[in-house]
Amino acid sequence: MYQTQEERREQSRAEDKDLIRDALSGNQDAYKRLMRKYRNAIYHLIVRMIGFTPEAEDLTQEAFIKAFNSLASFNDEFSFSTWLYKIATNNAIDHLRK
């Protein structure tokens, strides 16, 4: 059956909420699934910001580390992807300032 964009977005947010809950309870697979779900998008965001450099992969990893270390403070009223993009963007900006 055809899903609207809004239905897909809500399904994705519900999946993220479940994965975050599981990750916070110690489920390592939930961390892996979150990373797998967003890794390419975050990597391409960083490449667009800093260029195709070896640092892009490192900055992608750093963004996930920062996000996972702060996961307990994530407010699930908001989109996890938006929060993660903001962390990655700030990480890339900090890199560019150096």
N, C-alpha and C. Protein backbone atom coordinates (compact mmCIF):
# COMPACT_ATOMS: atom_id res chain seq x y z
N MET A 1 0.82 -1.18 0.00
CA MET A 1 0.00 0.00 0.00
C MET A 1 0.87 1.24 0.00
N TYR A 2 0.42 2.27 -0.63
CA TYR A 2 1.15 3.53 -0.74
C TYR A 2 1.09 4.32 0.56
N GLN A 3 2.25 4.78 1.02
CA GLN A 3 2.31 5.61 2.22
C GLN A 3 2.60 7.05 1.82
N THR A 4 1.97 7.98 2.49
CA THR A 4 2.26 9.38 2.24
C THR A 4 3.61 9.71 2.86
N GLN A 5 4.16 10.83 2.46
CA GLN A 5 5.44 11.27 3.02
C GLN A 5 5.31 11.48 4.53
N GLU A 6 4.19 12.02 4.96
CA GLU A 6 3.96 12.24 6.39
C GLU A 6 3.92 10.91 7.15
N GLU A 7 3.29 9.90 6.57
CA GLU A 7 3.23 8.58 7.21
C GLU A 7 4.61 7.96 7.31
N ARG A 8 5.42 8.10 6.25
CA ARG A 8 6.79 7.57 6.27
C ARG A 8 7.63 8.30 7.32
N ARG A 9 7.44 9.61 7.42
CA ARG A 9 8.18 10.40 8.41
C ARG A 9 7.81 9.96 9.82
N GLU A 10 6.53 9.78 10.07
CA GLU A 10 6.08 9.35 11.40
C GLU A 10 6.58 7.94 11.73
N GLN A 11 6.59 7.07 10.74
CA GLN A 11 7.09 5.71 10.95
C GLN A 11 8.58 5.75 11.28
N SER A 12 9.33 6.59 10.58
CA SER A 12 10.75 6.72 10.83
C SER A 12 11.02 7.28 12.23
N ARG A 13 10.25 8.27 12.64
CA ARG A 13 10.41 8.85 13.97
C ARG A 13 10.08 7.82 15.06
N ALA A 14 9.06 7.02 14.83
CA ALA A 14 8.71 5.97 15.80
C ALA A 14 9.82 4.93 15.89
N GLU A 15 10.38 4.58 14.74
CA GLU A 15 11.51 3.63 14.72
C GLU A 15 12.69 4.22 15.48
N ASP A 16 13.00 5.50 15.23
CA ASP A 16 14.11 6.15 15.93
C ASP A 16 13.88 6.15 17.44
N LYS A 17 12.66 6.46 17.85
CA LYS A 17 12.33 6.51 19.27
C LYS A 17 12.58 5.15 19.92
N ASP A 18 12.15 4.07 19.25
CA ASP A 18 12.38 2.72 19.76
C ASP A 18 13.87 2.38 19.82
N LEU A 19 14.61 2.76 18.77
CA LEU A 19 16.05 2.47 18.74
C LEU A 19 16.78 3.25 19.83
N ILE A 20 16.39 4.49 20.06
CA ILE A 20 17.02 5.29 21.10
C ILE A 20 16.75 4.68 22.47
N ARG A 21 15.51 4.30 22.72
CA ARG A 21 15.17 3.66 23.99
C ARG A 21 16.01 2.40 24.19
N ASP A 22 16.10 1.59 23.13
CA ASP A 22 16.87 0.34 23.23
C ASP A 22 18.37 0.62 23.43
N ALA A 23 18.88 1.61 22.73
CA ALA A 23 20.30 1.97 22.86
C ALA A 23 20.59 2.43 24.29
N LEU A 24 19.73 3.25 24.82
CA LEU A 24 19.93 3.74 26.19
C LEU A 24 19.84 2.63 27.23
N SER A 25 19.16 1.55 26.89
CA SER A 25 19.09 0.42 27.82
C SER A 25 20.25 -0.55 27.63
N GLY A 26 21.18 -0.19 26.73
CA GLY A 26 22.40 -0.99 26.56
C GLY A 26 22.45 -1.88 25.34
N ASN A 27 21.46 -1.80 24.48
CA ASN A 27 21.42 -2.63 23.28
C ASN A 27 22.37 -2.07 22.22
N GLN A 28 23.50 -2.72 22.03
CA GLN A 28 24.51 -2.25 21.08
C GLN A 28 24.01 -2.31 19.63
N ASP A 29 23.14 -3.26 19.34
CA ASP A 29 22.59 -3.37 17.98
C ASP A 29 21.76 -2.13 17.63
N ALA A 30 21.11 -1.55 18.62
CA ALA A 30 20.30 -0.34 18.36
C ALA A 30 21.21 0.82 17.95
N TYR A 31 22.37 0.95 18.58
CA TYR A 31 23.33 1.97 18.17
C TYR A 31 23.76 1.73 16.72
N LYS A 32 24.07 0.49 16.40
CA LYS A 32 24.50 0.15 15.04
C LYS A 32 23.41 0.48 14.02
N ARG A 33 22.17 0.17 14.37
CA ARG A 33 21.07 0.43 13.44
C ARG A 33 20.86 1.93 13.23
N LEU A 34 20.98 2.72 14.30
CA LEU A 34 20.88 4.17 14.15
C LEU A 34 22.00 4.70 13.26
N MET A 35 23.19 4.21 13.49
CA MET A 35 24.32 4.66 12.68
C MET A 35 24.15 4.25 11.22
N ARG A 36 23.73 3.02 10.99
CA ARG A 36 23.52 2.54 9.64
C ARG A 36 22.45 3.37 8.92
N LYS A 37 21.42 3.74 9.65
CA LYS A 37 20.31 4.48 9.07
C LYS A 37 20.73 5.89 8.62
N TYR A 38 21.61 6.53 9.39
CA TYR A 38 21.94 7.93 9.12
C TYR A 38 23.36 8.19 8.64
N ARG A 39 24.21 7.18 8.63
CA ARG A 39 25.62 7.39 8.34
C ARG A 39 25.86 8.06 6.99
N ASN A 40 25.26 7.55 5.93
CA ASN A 40 25.50 8.11 4.59
C ASN A 40 25.04 9.55 4.50
N ALA A 41 23.89 9.84 5.06
CA ALA A 41 23.37 11.22 5.00
C ALA A 41 24.29 12.17 5.75
N ILE A 42 24.78 11.76 6.91
CA ILE A 42 25.67 12.62 7.70
C ILE A 42 27.01 12.78 6.97
N TYR A 43 27.52 11.71 6.43
CA TYR A 43 28.78 11.79 5.68
C TYR A 43 28.65 12.77 4.51
N HIS A 44 27.58 12.66 3.75
CA HIS A 44 27.41 13.55 2.59
C HIS A 44 27.19 15.00 3.00
N LEU A 45 26.52 15.21 4.13
CA LEU A 45 26.38 16.57 4.66
C LEU A 45 27.76 17.16 4.95
N ILE A 46 28.60 16.40 5.62
CA ILE A 46 29.93 16.87 5.98
C ILE A 46 30.78 17.10 4.74
N VAL A 47 30.69 16.20 3.76
CA VAL A 47 31.44 16.38 2.51
C VAL A 47 31.02 17.68 1.82
N ARG A 48 29.72 17.97 1.82
CA ARG A 48 29.25 19.22 1.21
C ARG A 48 29.81 20.44 1.94
N MET A 49 30.05 20.29 3.22
CA MET A 49 30.54 21.43 4.01
C MET A 49 32.05 21.61 3.92
N ILE A 50 32.81 20.51 3.97
CA ILE A 50 34.27 20.64 4.04
C ILE A 50 34.99 20.14 2.80
N GLY A 51 34.25 19.51 1.90
CA GLY A 51 34.87 18.94 0.71
C GLY A 51 35.18 17.47 0.93
N PHE A 52 35.52 16.82 -0.16
CA PHE A 52 35.83 15.39 -0.12
C PHE A 52 37.26 15.23 0.35
N THR A 53 37.42 15.11 1.65
CA THR A 53 38.74 15.00 2.26
C THR A 53 38.75 13.80 3.21
N PRO A 54 39.94 13.34 3.58
CA PRO A 54 40.00 12.24 4.54
C PRO A 54 39.35 12.59 5.88
N GLU A 55 39.31 13.88 6.22
CA GLU A 55 38.71 14.30 7.49
C GLU A 55 37.20 14.08 7.52
N ALA A 56 36.57 13.99 6.37
CA ALA A 56 35.11 13.83 6.32
C ALA A 56 34.68 12.56 7.04
N GLU A 57 35.39 11.49 6.85
CA GLU A 57 35.06 10.23 7.53
C GLU A 57 35.25 10.37 9.04
N ASP A 58 36.35 11.00 9.45
CA ASP A 58 36.60 11.21 10.88
C ASP A 58 35.51 12.08 11.51
N LEU A 59 35.12 13.14 10.82
CA LEU A 59 34.09 14.03 11.34
C LEU A 59 32.74 13.34 11.44
N THR A 60 32.48 12.43 10.51
CA THR A 60 31.25 11.65 10.56
C THR A 60 31.24 10.78 11.82
N GLN A 61 32.35 10.10 12.06
CA GLN A 61 32.45 9.26 13.26
C GLN A 61 32.32 10.10 14.53
N GLU A 62 32.98 11.26 14.54
CA GLU A 62 32.91 12.14 15.71
C GLU A 62 31.48 12.60 15.98
N ALA A 63 30.74 12.91 14.92
CA ALA A 63 29.36 13.35 15.08
C ALA A 63 28.53 12.27 15.77
N PHE A 64 28.71 11.03 15.35
CA PHE A 64 27.97 9.93 15.99
C PHE A 64 28.42 9.71 17.43
N ILE A 65 29.69 9.82 17.68
CA ILE A 65 30.19 9.67 19.06
C ILE A 65 29.58 10.74 19.95
N LYS A 66 29.60 11.98 19.48
CA LYS A 66 29.01 13.07 20.26
C LYS A 66 27.52 12.84 20.48
N ALA A 67 26.83 12.43 19.44
CA ALA A 67 25.38 12.19 19.57
C ALA A 67 25.11 11.05 20.55
N PHE A 68 25.83 9.95 20.40
CA PHE A 68 25.58 8.80 21.27
C PHE A 68 25.95 9.11 22.72
N ASN A 69 26.99 9.92 22.93
CA ASN A 69 27.36 10.30 24.29
C ASN A 69 26.32 11.22 24.93
N SER A 70 25.54 11.92 24.11
CA SER A 70 24.51 12.84 24.61
C SER A 70 23.10 12.30 24.43
N LEU A 71 22.99 11.05 24.06
CA LEU A 71 21.69 10.48 23.72
C LEU A 71 20.67 10.59 24.85
N ALA A 72 21.13 10.49 26.08
CA ALA A 72 20.21 10.57 27.22
C ALA A 72 19.55 11.94 27.32
N SER A 73 20.18 12.97 26.74
CA SER A 73 19.61 14.32 26.81
C SER A 73 18.73 14.63 25.59
N PHE A 74 18.63 13.70 24.66
CA PHE A 74 17.81 13.93 23.47
C PHE A 74 16.34 14.01 23.86
N ASN A 75 15.65 15.03 23.35
CA ASN A 75 14.22 15.22 23.60
C ASN A 75 13.45 14.61 22.44
N ASP A 76 12.74 13.52 22.68
CA ASP A 76 12.09 12.82 21.58
C ASP A 76 10.82 13.50 21.07
N GLU A 77 10.54 14.70 21.55
CA GLU A 77 9.48 15.50 20.94
C GLU A 77 9.95 16.02 19.58
N PHE A 78 11.25 16.00 19.39
CA PHE A 78 11.86 16.49 18.16
C PHE A 78 12.40 15.32 17.34
N SER A 79 12.75 15.59 16.13
CA SER A 79 13.27 14.58 15.22
C SER A 79 14.73 14.27 15.55
N PHE A 80 15.05 12.99 15.69
CA PHE A 80 16.43 12.58 15.93
C PHE A 80 17.33 13.01 14.79
N SER A 81 16.84 12.89 13.56
CA SER A 81 17.67 13.25 12.41
C SER A 81 18.04 14.73 12.43
N THR A 82 17.12 15.59 12.80
CA THR A 82 17.41 17.02 12.87
C THR A 82 18.47 17.29 13.93
N TRP A 83 18.33 16.63 15.08
CA TRP A 83 19.29 16.78 16.17
C TRP A 83 20.67 16.30 15.73
N LEU A 84 20.71 15.16 15.06
CA LEU A 84 21.97 14.59 14.59
C LEU A 84 22.61 15.48 13.53
N TYR A 85 21.81 16.01 12.61
CA TYR A 85 22.33 16.92 11.59
C TYR A 85 22.95 18.16 12.23
N LYS A 86 22.32 18.67 13.28
CA LYS A 86 22.85 19.85 13.96
C LYS A 86 24.19 19.54 14.60
N ILE A 87 24.31 18.40 15.22
CA ILE A 87 25.58 17.99 15.82
C ILE A 87 26.65 17.87 14.74
N ALA A 88 26.32 17.23 13.63
CA ALA A 88 27.28 17.06 12.54
C ALA A 88 27.67 18.40 11.93
N THR A 89 26.71 19.28 11.75
CA THR A 89 26.98 20.61 11.19
C THR A 89 27.92 21.39 12.11
N ASN A 90 27.62 21.40 13.39
CA ASN A 90 28.48 22.10 14.35
C ASN A 90 29.88 21.50 14.36
N ASN A 91 29.97 20.19 14.25
CA ASN A 91 31.26 19.52 14.23
C ASN A 91 32.07 19.96 13.00
N ALA A 92 31.43 20.03 11.85
CA ALA A 92 32.11 20.47 10.62
C ALA A 92 32.52 21.93 10.71
N ILE A 93 31.66 22.77 11.26
CA ILE A 93 32.00 24.19 11.43
C ILE A 93 33.20 24.34 12.35
N ASP A 94 33.21 23.61 13.45
CA ASP A 94 34.36 23.65 14.35
C ASP A 94 35.64 23.24 13.62
N HIS A 95 35.54 22.24 12.80
CA HIS A 95 36.70 21.78 12.01
C HIS A 95 37.18 22.88 11.06
N LEU A 96 36.25 23.53 10.39
CA LEU A 96 36.61 24.59 9.44
C LEU A 96 37.26 25.79 10.14
N ARG A 97 36.87 26.05 11.36
CA ARG A 97 37.43 27.17 12.11
C ARG A 97 38.87 26.91 12.50
N LYS A 98 39.26 25.66 12.62
CA LYS A 98 40.62 25.30 13.04
C LYS A 98 41.56 25.59 11.96
